[in-house]
Amino acid sequence: VVIEEFLEGEEASFIVICDGKHVVPLATSQD
């Protein structure tokens, strides 16, 4: 198990496309 401190705030999903070196971000989203 990994035990972590509890973080306050709002969650968001940040998804990008990678080729090992370069990155292109996708649109932001929230689950």
mmCIF file of all heavy atoms, coordinates in Angstrom:
data_MODEL
# 
_entry.id   MODEL 
# 
loop_
_atom_site.group_PDB 
_atom_site.id 
_atom_site.type_symbol 
_atom_site.label_atom_id 
_atom_site.label_alt_id 
_atom_site.label_comp_id 
_atom_site.label_asym_id 
_atom_site.label_entity_id 
_atom_site.label_seq_id 
_atom_site.pdbx_PDB_ins_code 
_atom_site.Cartn_x 
_atom_site.Cartn_y 
_atom_site.Cartn_z 
_atom_site.occupancy 
_atom_site.B_iso_or_equiv 
_atom_site.pdbx_formal_charge 
_atom_site.auth_seq_id 
_atom_site.auth_comp_id 
_atom_site.auth_asym_id 
_atom_site.auth_atom_id 
_atom_site.pdbx_PDB_model_num 
ATOM 1   N N   . VAL A 1 1  ? 0.851   -1.189 0.000   1.00 0.00 ? 1  VAL A N   1 
ATOM 2   C CA  . VAL A 1 1  ? 0.000   0.000  0.000   1.00 0.00 ? 1  VAL A CA  1 
ATOM 3   C C   . VAL A 1 1  ? 0.885   1.237  0.000   1.00 0.00 ? 1  VAL A C   1 
ATOM 4   O O   . VAL A 1 1  ? 1.995   1.226  0.536   1.00 0.00 ? 1  VAL A O   1 
ATOM 5   C CB  . VAL A 1 1  ? -0.966  0.065  1.200   1.00 0.00 ? 1  VAL A CB  1 
ATOM 6   C CG1 . VAL A 1 1  ? -1.991  -1.049 1.137   1.00 0.00 ? 1  VAL A CG1 1 
ATOM 7   C CG2 . VAL A 1 1  ? -0.216  0.035  2.528   1.00 0.00 ? 1  VAL A CG2 1 
ATOM 8   N N   . VAL A 1 2  ? 0.368   2.284  -0.635  1.00 0.00 ? 2  VAL A N   1 
ATOM 9   C CA  . VAL A 1 2  ? 0.975   3.605  -0.559  1.00 0.00 ? 2  VAL A CA  1 
ATOM 10  C C   . VAL A 1 2  ? 0.032   4.463  0.276   1.00 0.00 ? 2  VAL A C   1 
ATOM 11  O O   . VAL A 1 2  ? -1.170  4.533  -0.013  1.00 0.00 ? 2  VAL A O   1 
ATOM 12  C CB  . VAL A 1 2  ? 1.170   4.217  -1.963  1.00 0.00 ? 2  VAL A CB  1 
ATOM 13  C CG1 . VAL A 1 2  ? 1.661   5.658  -1.864  1.00 0.00 ? 2  VAL A CG1 1 
ATOM 14  C CG2 . VAL A 1 2  ? 2.146   3.379  -2.776  1.00 0.00 ? 2  VAL A CG2 1 
ATOM 15  N N   . ILE A 1 3  ? 0.570   5.090  1.321   1.00 0.00 ? 3  ILE A N   1 
ATOM 16  C CA  . ILE A 1 3  ? -0.247  5.943  2.183   1.00 0.00 ? 3  ILE A CA  1 
ATOM 17  C C   . ILE A 1 3  ? 0.206   7.385  1.980   1.00 0.00 ? 3  ILE A C   1 
ATOM 18  O O   . ILE A 1 3  ? 1.394   7.698  2.087   1.00 0.00 ? 3  ILE A O   1 
ATOM 19  C CB  . ILE A 1 3  ? -0.134  5.518  3.667   1.00 0.00 ? 3  ILE A CB  1 
ATOM 20  C CG1 . ILE A 1 3  ? -0.573  4.049  3.814   1.00 0.00 ? 3  ILE A CG1 1 
ATOM 21  C CG2 . ILE A 1 3  ? -0.985  6.419  4.549   1.00 0.00 ? 3  ILE A CG2 1 
ATOM 22  C CD1 . ILE A 1 3  ? -0.462  3.499  5.215   1.00 0.00 ? 3  ILE A CD1 1 
ATOM 23  N N   . GLU A 1 4  ? -0.769  8.253  1.647   1.00 0.00 ? 4  GLU A N   1 
ATOM 24  C CA  . GLU A 1 4  ? -0.453  9.621  1.263   1.00 0.00 ? 4  GLU A CA  1 
ATOM 25  C C   . GLU A 1 4  ? -1.177  10.623 2.146   1.00 0.00 ? 4  GLU A C   1 
ATOM 26  O O   . GLU A 1 4  ? -2.261  10.340 2.673   1.00 0.00 ? 4  GLU A O   1 
ATOM 27  C CB  . GLU A 1 4  ? -0.899  9.887  -0.185  1.00 0.00 ? 4  GLU A CB  1 
ATOM 28  C CG  . GLU A 1 4  ? -0.213  9.064  -1.227  1.00 0.00 ? 4  GLU A CG  1 
ATOM 29  C CD  . GLU A 1 4  ? -0.685  9.445  -2.628  1.00 0.00 ? 4  GLU A CD  1 
ATOM 30  O OE1 . GLU A 1 4  ? -1.579  10.302 -2.765  1.00 0.00 ? 4  GLU A OE1 1 
ATOM 31  O OE2 . GLU A 1 4  ? -0.144  8.880  -3.575  1.00 0.00 ? 4  GLU A OE2 1 
ATOM 32  N N   . GLU A 1 5  ? -0.593  11.822 2.206   1.00 0.00 ? 5  GLU A N   1 
ATOM 33  C CA  . GLU A 1 5  ? -1.310  12.916 2.858   1.00 0.00 ? 5  GLU A CA  1 
ATOM 34  C C   . GLU A 1 5  ? -2.558  13.261 2.054   1.00 0.00 ? 5  GLU A C   1 
ATOM 35  O O   . GLU A 1 5  ? -2.610  13.091 0.836   1.00 0.00 ? 5  GLU A O   1 
ATOM 36  C CB  . GLU A 1 5  ? -0.411  14.154 2.975   1.00 0.00 ? 5  GLU A CB  1 
ATOM 37  C CG  . GLU A 1 5  ? -0.108  14.836 1.657   1.00 0.00 ? 5  GLU A CG  1 
ATOM 38  C CD  . GLU A 1 5  ? 0.569   16.181 1.806   1.00 0.00 ? 5  GLU A CD  1 
ATOM 39  O OE1 . GLU A 1 5  ? 0.174   16.959 2.688   1.00 0.00 ? 5  GLU A OE1 1 
ATOM 40  O OE2 . GLU A 1 5  ? 1.501   16.452 1.022   1.00 0.00 ? 5  GLU A OE2 1 
ATOM 41  N N   . PHE A 1 6  ? -3.560  13.743 2.758   1.00 0.00 ? 6  PHE A N   1 
ATOM 42  C CA  . PHE A 1 6  ? -4.805  14.176 2.117   1.00 0.00 ? 6  PHE A CA  1 
ATOM 43  C C   . PHE A 1 6  ? -4.618  15.588 1.581   1.00 0.00 ? 6  PHE A C   1 
ATOM 44  O O   . PHE A 1 6  ? -4.148  16.478 2.290   1.00 0.00 ? 6  PHE A O   1 
ATOM 45  C CB  . PHE A 1 6  ? -5.943  14.139 3.137   1.00 0.00 ? 6  PHE A CB  1 
ATOM 46  C CG  . PHE A 1 6  ? -7.241  14.711 2.640   1.00 0.00 ? 6  PHE A CG  1 
ATOM 47  C CD1 . PHE A 1 6  ? -8.052  13.962 1.814   1.00 0.00 ? 6  PHE A CD1 1 
ATOM 48  C CD2 . PHE A 1 6  ? -7.634  16.000 2.989   1.00 0.00 ? 6  PHE A CD2 1 
ATOM 49  C CE1 . PHE A 1 6  ? -9.259  14.483 1.346   1.00 0.00 ? 6  PHE A CE1 1 
ATOM 50  C CE2 . PHE A 1 6  ? -8.829  16.525 2.522   1.00 0.00 ? 6  PHE A CE2 1 
ATOM 51  C CZ  . PHE A 1 6  ? -9.644  15.764 1.702   1.00 0.00 ? 6  PHE A CZ  1 
ATOM 52  N N   . LEU A 1 7  ? -4.961  15.788 0.308   1.00 0.00 ? 7  LEU A N   1 
ATOM 53  C CA  . LEU A 1 7  ? -4.800  17.096 -0.322  1.00 0.00 ? 7  LEU A CA  1 
ATOM 54  C C   . LEU A 1 7  ? -6.166  17.776 -0.488  1.00 0.00 ? 7  LEU A C   1 
ATOM 55  O O   . LEU A 1 7  ? -7.128  17.150 -0.906  1.00 0.00 ? 7  LEU A O   1 
ATOM 56  C CB  . LEU A 1 7  ? -4.140  16.955 -1.700  1.00 0.00 ? 7  LEU A CB  1 
ATOM 57  C CG  . LEU A 1 7  ? -2.715  16.391 -1.732  1.00 0.00 ? 7  LEU A CG  1 
ATOM 58  C CD1 . LEU A 1 7  ? -2.256  16.229 -3.178  1.00 0.00 ? 7  LEU A CD1 1 
ATOM 59  C CD2 . LEU A 1 7  ? -1.755  17.290 -0.963  1.00 0.00 ? 7  LEU A CD2 1 
ATOM 60  N N   . GLU A 1 8  ? -6.208  19.070 -0.176  1.00 0.00 ? 8  GLU A N   1 
ATOM 61  C CA  . GLU A 1 8  ? -7.420  19.866 -0.370  1.00 0.00 ? 8  GLU A CA  1 
ATOM 62  C C   . GLU A 1 8  ? -7.386  20.497 -1.759  1.00 0.00 ? 8  GLU A C   1 
ATOM 63  O O   . GLU A 1 8  ? -6.323  20.864 -2.256  1.00 0.00 ? 8  GLU A O   1 
ATOM 64  C CB  . GLU A 1 8  ? -7.492  20.986 0.676   1.00 0.00 ? 8  GLU A CB  1 
ATOM 65  C CG  . GLU A 1 8  ? -7.642  20.499 2.105   1.00 0.00 ? 8  GLU A CG  1 
ATOM 66  C CD  . GLU A 1 8  ? -9.091  20.242 2.481   1.00 0.00 ? 8  GLU A CD  1 
ATOM 67  O OE1 . GLU A 1 8  ? -9.975  20.348 1.596   1.00 0.00 ? 8  GLU A OE1 1 
ATOM 68  O OE2 . GLU A 1 8  ? -9.333  19.922 3.652   1.00 0.00 ? 8  GLU A OE2 1 
ATOM 69  N N   . GLY A 1 9  ? -8.554  20.655 -2.370  1.00 0.00 ? 9  GLY A N   1 
ATOM 70  C CA  . GLY A 1 9  ? -8.616  21.336 -3.655  1.00 0.00 ? 9  GLY A CA  1 
ATOM 71  C C   . GLY A 1 9  ? -9.642  20.702 -4.567  1.00 0.00 ? 9  GLY A C   1 
ATOM 72  O O   . GLY A 1 9  ? -10.536 19.974 -4.120  1.00 0.00 ? 9  GLY A O   1 
ATOM 73  N N   . GLU A 1 10 ? -9.504  20.982 -5.859  1.00 0.00 ? 10 GLU A N   1 
ATOM 74  C CA  . GLU A 1 10 ? -10.414 20.457 -6.872  1.00 0.00 ? 10 GLU A CA  1 
ATOM 75  C C   . GLU A 1 10 ? -9.615  19.621 -7.858  1.00 0.00 ? 10 GLU A C   1 
ATOM 76  O O   . GLU A 1 10 ? -8.544  20.039 -8.312  1.00 0.00 ? 10 GLU A O   1 
ATOM 77  C CB  . GLU A 1 10 ? -11.104 21.616 -7.594  1.00 0.00 ? 10 GLU A CB  1 
ATOM 78  C CG  . GLU A 1 10 ? -12.259 21.181 -8.466  1.00 0.00 ? 10 GLU A CG  1 
ATOM 79  C CD  . GLU A 1 10 ? -13.094 22.349 -8.969  1.00 0.00 ? 10 GLU A CD  1 
ATOM 80  O OE1 . GLU A 1 10 ? -13.056 23.439 -8.365  1.00 0.00 ? 10 GLU A OE1 1 
ATOM 81  O OE2 . GLU A 1 10 ? -13.775 22.150 -9.991  1.00 0.00 ? 10 GLU A OE2 1 
ATOM 82  N N   . GLU A 1 11 ? -10.142 18.432 -8.186  1.00 0.00 ? 11 GLU A N   1 
ATOM 83  C CA  . GLU A 1 11 ? -9.426  17.528 -9.090  1.00 0.00 ? 11 GLU A CA  1 
ATOM 84  C C   . GLU A 1 11 ? -9.733  17.851 -10.550 1.00 0.00 ? 11 GLU A C   1 
ATOM 85  O O   . GLU A 1 11 ? -10.816 18.309 -10.878 1.00 0.00 ? 11 GLU A O   1 
ATOM 86  C CB  . GLU A 1 11 ? -9.832  16.069 -8.817  1.00 0.00 ? 11 GLU A CB  1 
ATOM 87  C CG  . GLU A 1 11 ? -9.294  15.506 -7.521  1.00 0.00 ? 11 GLU A CG  1 
ATOM 88  C CD  . GLU A 1 11 ? -9.586  14.024 -7.402  1.00 0.00 ? 11 GLU A CD  1 
ATOM 89  O OE1 . GLU A 1 11 ? -9.400  13.290 -8.393  1.00 0.00 ? 11 GLU A OE1 1 
ATOM 90  O OE2 . GLU A 1 11 ? -10.009 13.596 -6.310  1.00 0.00 ? 11 GLU A OE2 1 
ATOM 91  N N   . ALA A 1 12 ? -8.748  17.596 -11.408 1.00 0.00 ? 12 ALA A N   1 
ATOM 92  C CA  . ALA A 1 12 ? -8.967  17.697 -12.850 1.00 0.00 ? 12 ALA A CA  1 
ATOM 93  C C   . ALA A 1 12 ? -8.116  16.645 -13.542 1.00 0.00 ? 12 ALA A C   1 
ATOM 94  O O   . ALA A 1 12 ? -7.097  16.184 -12.998 1.00 0.00 ? 12 ALA A O   1 
ATOM 95  C CB  . ALA A 1 12 ? -8.614  19.089 -13.366 1.00 0.00 ? 12 ALA A CB  1 
ATOM 96  N N   . SER A 1 13 ? -8.552  16.265 -14.736 1.00 0.00 ? 13 SER A N   1 
ATOM 97  C CA  . SER A 1 13 ? -7.821  15.287 -15.544 1.00 0.00 ? 13 SER A CA  1 
ATOM 98  C C   . SER A 1 13 ? -7.058  16.030 -16.631 1.00 0.00 ? 13 SER A C   1 
ATOM 99  O O   . SER A 1 13 ? -7.658  16.762 -17.416 1.00 0.00 ? 13 SER A O   1 
ATOM 100 C CB  . SER A 1 13 ? -8.797  14.293 -16.191 1.00 0.00 ? 13 SER A CB  1 
ATOM 101 O OG  . SER A 1 13 ? -9.615  13.689 -15.206 1.00 0.00 ? 13 SER A OG  1 
ATOM 102 N N   . PHE A 1 14 ? -5.747  15.832 -16.656 1.00 0.00 ? 14 PHE A N   1 
ATOM 103 C CA  . PHE A 1 14 ? -4.888  16.532 -17.617 1.00 0.00 ? 14 PHE A CA  1 
ATOM 104 C C   . PHE A 1 14 ? -4.224  15.459 -18.476 1.00 0.00 ? 14 PHE A C   1 
ATOM 105 O O   . PHE A 1 14 ? -3.356  14.729 -18.006 1.00 0.00 ? 14 PHE A O   1 
ATOM 106 C CB  . PHE A 1 14 ? -3.838  17.357 -16.865 1.00 0.00 ? 14 PHE A CB  1 
ATOM 107 C CG  . PHE A 1 14 ? -3.214  18.454 -17.683 1.00 0.00 ? 14 PHE A CG  1 
ATOM 108 C CD1 . PHE A 1 14 ? -3.674  19.758 -17.594 1.00 0.00 ? 14 PHE A CD1 1 
ATOM 109 C CD2 . PHE A 1 14 ? -2.163  18.187 -18.547 1.00 0.00 ? 14 PHE A CD2 1 
ATOM 110 C CE1 . PHE A 1 14 ? -3.102  20.782 -18.351 1.00 0.00 ? 14 PHE A CE1 1 
ATOM 111 C CE2 . PHE A 1 14 ? -1.585  19.192 -19.304 1.00 0.00 ? 14 PHE A CE2 1 
ATOM 112 C CZ  . PHE A 1 14 ? -2.057  20.492 -19.201 1.00 0.00 ? 14 PHE A CZ  1 
ATOM 113 N N   . ILE A 1 15 ? -4.658  15.346 -19.730 1.00 0.00 ? 15 ILE A N   1 
ATOM 114 C CA  . ILE A 1 15 ? -4.223  14.243 -20.595 1.00 0.00 ? 15 ILE A CA  1 
ATOM 115 C C   . ILE A 1 15 ? -3.472  14.804 -21.793 1.00 0.00 ? 15 ILE A C   1 
ATOM 116 O O   . ILE A 1 15 ? -3.911  15.773 -22.420 1.00 0.00 ? 15 ILE A O   1 
ATOM 117 C CB  . ILE A 1 15 ? -5.424  13.403 -21.061 1.00 0.00 ? 15 ILE A CB  1 
ATOM 118 C CG1 . ILE A 1 15 ? -6.284  12.979 -19.854 1.00 0.00 ? 15 ILE A CG1 1 
ATOM 119 C CG2 . ILE A 1 15 ? -4.957  12.165 -21.831 1.00 0.00 ? 15 ILE A CG2 1 
ATOM 120 C CD1 . ILE A 1 15 ? -7.583  12.288 -20.218 1.00 0.00 ? 15 ILE A CD1 1 
ATOM 121 N N   . VAL A 1 16 ? -2.332  14.201 -22.096 1.00 0.00 ? 16 VAL A N   1 
ATOM 122 C CA  . VAL A 1 16 ? -1.516  14.635 -23.231 1.00 0.00 ? 16 VAL A CA  1 
ATOM 123 C C   . VAL A 1 16 ? -1.155  13.426 -24.098 1.00 0.00 ? 16 VAL A C   1 
ATOM 124 O O   . VAL A 1 16 ? -1.212  12.280 -23.653 1.00 0.00 ? 16 VAL A O   1 
ATOM 125 C CB  . VAL A 1 16 ? -0.219  15.348 -22.775 1.00 0.00 ? 16 VAL A CB  1 
ATOM 126 C CG1 . VAL A 1 16 ? -0.542  16.590 -21.957 1.00 0.00 ? 16 VAL A CG1 1 
ATOM 127 C CG2 . VAL A 1 16 ? 0.689   14.406 -21.977 1.00 0.00 ? 16 VAL A CG2 1 
ATOM 128 N N   . ILE A 1 17 ? -0.774  13.718 -25.345 1.00 0.00 ? 17 ILE A N   1 
ATOM 129 C CA  . ILE A 1 17 ? -0.270  12.706 -26.274 1.00 0.00 ? 17 ILE A CA  1 
ATOM 130 C C   . ILE A 1 17 ? 1.246   12.868 -26.338 1.00 0.00 ? 17 ILE A C   1 
ATOM 131 O O   . ILE A 1 17 ? 1.743   13.981 -26.522 1.00 0.00 ? 17 ILE A O   1 
ATOM 132 C CB  . ILE A 1 17 ? -0.901  12.886 -27.668 1.00 0.00 ? 17 ILE A CB  1 
ATOM 133 C CG1 . ILE A 1 17 ? -2.402  12.573 -27.597 1.00 0.00 ? 17 ILE A CG1 1 
ATOM 134 C CG2 . ILE A 1 17 ? -0.221  11.999 -28.705 1.00 0.00 ? 17 ILE A CG2 1 
ATOM 135 C CD1 . ILE A 1 17 ? -3.161  12.943 -28.860 1.00 0.00 ? 17 ILE A CD1 1 
ATOM 136 N N   . CYS A 1 18 ? 1.988   11.771 -26.161 1.00 0.00 ? 18 CYS A N   1 
ATOM 137 C CA  . CYS A 1 18 ? 3.457   11.833 -26.110 1.00 0.00 ? 18 CYS A CA  1 
ATOM 138 C C   . CYS A 1 18 ? 4.060   10.873 -27.129 1.00 0.00 ? 18 CYS A C   1 
ATOM 139 O O   . CYS A 1 18 ? 3.507   9.807  -27.395 1.00 0.00 ? 18 CYS A O   1 
ATOM 140 C CB  . CYS A 1 18 ? 3.980   11.408 -24.733 1.00 0.00 ? 18 CYS A CB  1 
ATOM 141 S SG  . CYS A 1 18 ? 3.061   12.014 -23.337 1.00 0.00 ? 18 CYS A SG  1 
ATOM 142 N N   . ASP A 1 19 ? 5.239   11.240 -27.638 1.00 0.00 ? 19 ASP A N   1 
ATOM 143 C CA  . ASP A 1 19 ? 5.986   10.340 -28.531 1.00 0.00 ? 19 ASP A CA  1 
ATOM 144 C C   . ASP A 1 19 ? 7.338   9.948  -27.938 1.00 0.00 ? 19 ASP A C   1 
ATOM 145 O O   . ASP A 1 19 ? 8.207   9.436  -28.634 1.00 0.00 ? 19 ASP A O   1 
ATOM 146 C CB  . ASP A 1 19 ? 6.181   10.991 -29.914 1.00 0.00 ? 19 ASP A CB  1 
ATOM 147 C CG  . ASP A 1 19 ? 7.092   12.221 -29.862 1.00 0.00 ? 19 ASP A CG  1 
ATOM 148 O OD1 . ASP A 1 19 ? 7.618   12.548 -28.777 1.00 0.00 ? 19 ASP A OD1 1 
ATOM 149 O OD2 . ASP A 1 19 ? 7.280   12.864 -30.915 1.00 0.00 ? 19 ASP A OD2 1 
ATOM 150 N N   . GLY A 1 20 ? 7.503   10.161 -26.627 1.00 0.00 ? 20 GLY A N   1 
ATOM 151 C CA  . GLY A 1 20 ? 8.773   9.882  -25.963 1.00 0.00 ? 20 GLY A CA  1 
ATOM 152 C C   . GLY A 1 20 ? 9.606   11.124 -25.733 1.00 0.00 ? 20 GLY A C   1 
ATOM 153 O O   . GLY A 1 20 ? 10.425  11.168 -24.825 1.00 0.00 ? 20 GLY A O   1 
ATOM 154 N N   . LYS A 1 21 ? 9.385   12.157 -26.573 1.00 0.00 ? 21 LYS A N   1 
ATOM 155 C CA  . LYS A 1 21 ? 10.118  13.421 -26.450 1.00 0.00 ? 21 LYS A CA  1 
ATOM 156 C C   . LYS A 1 21 ? 9.179   14.623 -26.430 1.00 0.00 ? 21 LYS A C   1 
ATOM 157 O O   . LYS A 1 21 ? 9.341   15.542 -25.648 1.00 0.00 ? 21 LYS A O   1 
ATOM 158 C CB  . LYS A 1 21 ? 11.090  13.596 -27.622 1.00 0.00 ? 21 LYS A CB  1 
ATOM 159 C CG  . LYS A 1 21 ? 12.324  12.719 -27.591 1.00 0.00 ? 21 LYS A CG  1 
ATOM 160 C CD  . LYS A 1 21 ? 13.229  13.021 -28.781 1.00 0.00 ? 21 LYS A CD  1 
ATOM 161 C CE  . LYS A 1 21 ? 14.476  12.140 -28.757 1.00 0.00 ? 21 LYS A CE  1 
ATOM 162 N NZ  . LYS A 1 21 ? 15.366  12.458 -27.650 1.00 0.00 ? 21 LYS A NZ  1 
ATOM 163 N N   . HIS A 1 22 ? 8.220   14.611 -27.344 1.00 0.00 ? 22 HIS A N   1 
ATOM 164 C CA  . HIS A 1 22 ? 7.335   15.756 -27.524 1.00 0.00 ? 22 HIS A CA  1 
ATOM 165 C C   . HIS A 1 22 ? 5.951   15.479 -26.953 1.00 0.00 ? 22 HIS A C   1 
ATOM 166 O O   . HIS A 1 22 ? 5.540   14.321 -26.838 1.00 0.00 ? 22 HIS A O   1 
ATOM 167 C CB  . HIS A 1 22 ? 7.219   16.111 -29.013 1.00 0.00 ? 22 HIS A CB  1 
ATOM 168 C CG  . HIS A 1 22 ? 8.535   16.285 -29.691 1.00 0.00 ? 22 HIS A CG  1 
ATOM 169 N ND1 . HIS A 1 22 ? 8.854   15.663 -30.884 1.00 0.00 ? 22 HIS A ND1 1 
ATOM 170 C CD2 . HIS A 1 22 ? 9.637   16.992 -29.334 1.00 0.00 ? 22 HIS A CD2 1 
ATOM 171 C CE1 . HIS A 1 22 ? 10.085  15.986 -31.230 1.00 0.00 ? 22 HIS A CE1 1 
ATOM 172 N NE2 . HIS A 1 22 ? 10.578  16.791 -30.311 1.00 0.00 ? 22 HIS A NE2 1 
ATOM 173 N N   . VAL A 1 23 ? 5.232   16.572 -26.675 1.00 0.00 ? 23 VAL A N   1 
ATOM 174 C CA  . VAL A 1 23 ? 3.932   16.471 -26.022 1.00 0.00 ? 23 VAL A CA  1 
ATOM 175 C C   . VAL A 1 23 ? 2.930   17.378 -26.717 1.00 0.00 ? 23 VAL A C   1 
ATOM 176 O O   . VAL A 1 23 ? 3.245   18.525 -27.032 1.00 0.00 ? 23 VAL A O   1 
ATOM 177 C CB  . VAL A 1 23 ? 4.060   16.899 -24.537 1.00 0.00 ? 23 VAL A CB  1 
ATOM 178 C CG1 . VAL A 1 23 ? 2.694   16.991 -23.889 1.00 0.00 ? 23 VAL A CG1 1 
ATOM 179 C CG2 . VAL A 1 23 ? 4.945   15.938 -23.774 1.00 0.00 ? 23 VAL A CG2 1 
ATOM 180 N N   . VAL A 1 24 ? 1.717   16.866 -26.951 1.00 0.00 ? 24 VAL A N   1 
ATOM 181 C CA  . VAL A 1 24 ? 0.607   17.679 -27.426 1.00 0.00 ? 24 VAL A CA  1 
ATOM 182 C C   . VAL A 1 24 ? -0.547  17.497 -26.442 1.00 0.00 ? 24 VAL A C   1 
ATOM 183 O O   . VAL A 1 24 ? -1.030  16.369 -26.262 1.00 0.00 ? 24 VAL A O   1 
ATOM 184 C CB  . VAL A 1 24 ? 0.165   17.273 -28.850 1.00 0.00 ? 24 VAL A CB  1 
ATOM 185 C CG1 . VAL A 1 24 ? -1.123  17.995 -29.241 1.00 0.00 ? 24 VAL A CG1 1 
ATOM 186 C CG2 . VAL A 1 24 ? 1.258   17.570 -29.859 1.00 0.00 ? 24 VAL A CG2 1 
ATOM 187 N N   . PRO A 1 25 ? -0.978  18.572 -25.767 1.00 0.00 ? 25 PRO A N   1 
ATOM 188 C CA  . PRO A 1 25 ? -2.050  18.412 -24.776 1.00 0.00 ? 25 PRO A CA  1 
ATOM 189 C C   . PRO A 1 25 ? -3.420  18.246 -25.419 1.00 0.00 ? 25 PRO A C   1 
ATOM 190 O O   . PRO A 1 25 ? -3.708  18.821 -26.471 1.00 0.00 ? 25 PRO A O   1 
ATOM 191 C CB  . PRO A 1 25 ? -1.981  19.716 -23.960 1.00 0.00 ? 25 PRO A CB  1 
ATOM 192 C CG  . PRO A 1 25 ? -1.302  20.703 -24.836 1.00 0.00 ? 25 PRO A CG  1 
ATOM 193 C CD  . PRO A 1 25 ? -0.430  19.937 -25.796 1.00 0.00 ? 25 PRO A CD  1 
ATOM 194 N N   . LEU A 1 26 ? -4.255  17.442 -24.782 1.00 0.00 ? 26 LEU A N   1 
ATOM 195 C CA  . LEU A 1 26 ? -5.658  17.320 -25.162 1.00 0.00 ? 26 LEU A CA  1 
ATOM 196 C C   . LEU A 1 26 ? -6.474  18.340 -24.363 1.00 0.00 ? 26 LEU A C   1 
ATOM 197 O O   . LEU A 1 26 ? -5.954  19.001 -23.461 1.00 0.00 ? 26 LEU A O   1 
ATOM 198 C CB  . LEU A 1 26 ? -6.158  15.901 -24.886 1.00 0.00 ? 26 LEU A CB  1 
ATOM 199 C CG  . LEU A 1 26 ? -5.535  14.794 -25.740 1.00 0.00 ? 26 LEU A CG  1 
ATOM 200 C CD1 . LEU A 1 26 ? -5.984  13.434 -25.244 1.00 0.00 ? 26 LEU A CD1 1 
ATOM 201 C CD2 . LEU A 1 26 ? -5.908  14.975 -27.207 1.00 0.00 ? 26 LEU A CD2 1 
ATOM 202 N N   . ALA A 1 27 ? -7.748  18.459 -24.693 1.00 0.00 ? 27 ALA A N   1 
ATOM 203 C CA  . ALA A 1 27 ? -8.627  19.348 -23.937 1.00 0.00 ? 27 ALA A CA  1 
ATOM 204 C C   . ALA A 1 27 ? -8.709  18.877 -22.483 1.00 0.00 ? 27 ALA A C   1 
ATOM 205 O O   . ALA A 1 27 ? -8.638  17.676 -22.196 1.00 0.00 ? 27 ALA A O   1 
ATOM 206 C CB  . ALA A 1 27 ? -10.019 19.363 -24.571 1.00 0.00 ? 27 ALA A CB  1 
ATOM 207 N N   . THR A 1 28 ? -8.879  19.817 -21.575 1.00 0.00 ? 28 THR A N   1 
ATOM 208 C CA  . THR A 1 28 ? -8.991  19.480 -20.154 1.00 0.00 ? 28 THR A CA  1 
ATOM 209 C C   . THR A 1 28 ? -10.368 18.860 -19.875 1.00 0.00 ? 28 THR A C   1 
ATOM 210 O O   . THR A 1 28 ? -11.316 19.022 -20.651 1.00 0.00 ? 28 THR A O   1 
ATOM 211 C CB  . THR A 1 28 ? -8.809  20.727 -19.278 1.00 0.00 ? 28 THR A CB  1 
ATOM 212 O OG1 . THR A 1 28 ? -9.831  21.682 -19.609 1.00 0.00 ? 28 THR A OG1 1 
ATOM 213 C CG2 . THR A 1 28 ? -7.438  21.338 -19.512 1.00 0.00 ? 28 THR A CG2 1 
ATOM 214 N N   . SER A 1 29 ? -10.439 18.157 -18.748 1.00 0.00 ? 29 SER A N   1 
ATOM 215 C CA  . SER A 1 29 ? -11.700 17.515 -18.377 1.00 0.00 ? 29 SER A CA  1 
ATOM 216 C C   . SER A 1 29 ? -11.749 17.314 -16.879 1.00 0.00 ? 29 SER A C   1 
ATOM 217 O O   . SER A 1 29 ? -10.735 17.453 -16.184 1.00 0.00 ? 29 SER A O   1 
ATOM 218 C CB  . SER A 1 29 ? -11.846 16.164 -19.096 1.00 0.00 ? 29 SER A CB  1 
ATOM 219 O OG  . SER A 1 29 ? -10.754 15.316 -18.788 1.00 0.00 ? 29 SER A OG  1 
ATOM 220 N N   . GLN A 1 30 ? -12.925 16.993 -16.390 1.00 0.00 ? 30 GLN A N   1 
ATOM 221 C CA  . GLN A 1 30 ? -13.084 16.692 -14.968 1.00 0.00 ? 30 GLN A CA  1 
ATOM 222 C C   . GLN A 1 30 ? -13.996 15.482 -14.815 1.00 0.00 ? 30 GLN A C   1 
ATOM 223 O O   . GLN A 1 30 ? -15.061 15.416 -15.428 1.00 0.00 ? 30 GLN A O   1 
ATOM 224 C CB  . GLN A 1 30 ? -13.662 17.897 -14.219 1.00 0.00 ? 30 GLN A CB  1 
ATOM 225 C CG  . GLN A 1 30 ? -13.624 17.729 -12.708 1.00 0.00 ? 30 GLN A CG  1 
ATOM 226 C CD  . GLN A 1 30 ? -13.952 19.032 -11.984 1.00 0.00 ? 30 GLN A CD  1 
ATOM 227 O OE1 . GLN A 1 30 ? -15.028 19.586 -12.169 1.00 0.00 ? 30 GLN A OE1 1 
ATOM 228 N NE2 . GLN A 1 30 ? -13.047 19.521 -11.169 1.00 0.00 ? 30 GLN A NE2 1 
ATOM 229 N N   . ASP A 1 31 ? -13.530 14.529 -14.020 1.00 0.00 ? 31 ASP A N   1 
ATOM 230 C CA  . ASP A 1 31 ? -14.236 13.274 -13.762 1.00 0.00 ? 31 ASP A CA  1 
ATOM 231 C C   . ASP A 1 31 ? -15.010 13.403 -12.452 1.00 0.00 ? 31 ASP A C   1 
ATOM 232 O O   . ASP A 1 31 ? -14.741 14.291 -11.642 1.00 0.00 ? 31 ASP A O   1 
ATOM 233 C CB  . ASP A 1 31 ? -13.176 12.156 -13.672 1.00 0.00 ? 31 ASP A CB  1 
ATOM 234 C CG  . ASP A 1 31 ? -13.784 10.765 -13.538 1.00 0.00 ? 31 ASP A CG  1 
ATOM 235 O OD1 . ASP A 1 31 ? -14.993 10.611 -13.749 1.00 0.00 ? 31 ASP A OD1 1 
ATOM 236 O OD2 . ASP A 1 31 ? -13.022 9.833  -13.227 1.00 0.00 ? 31 ASP A OD2 1 
# 
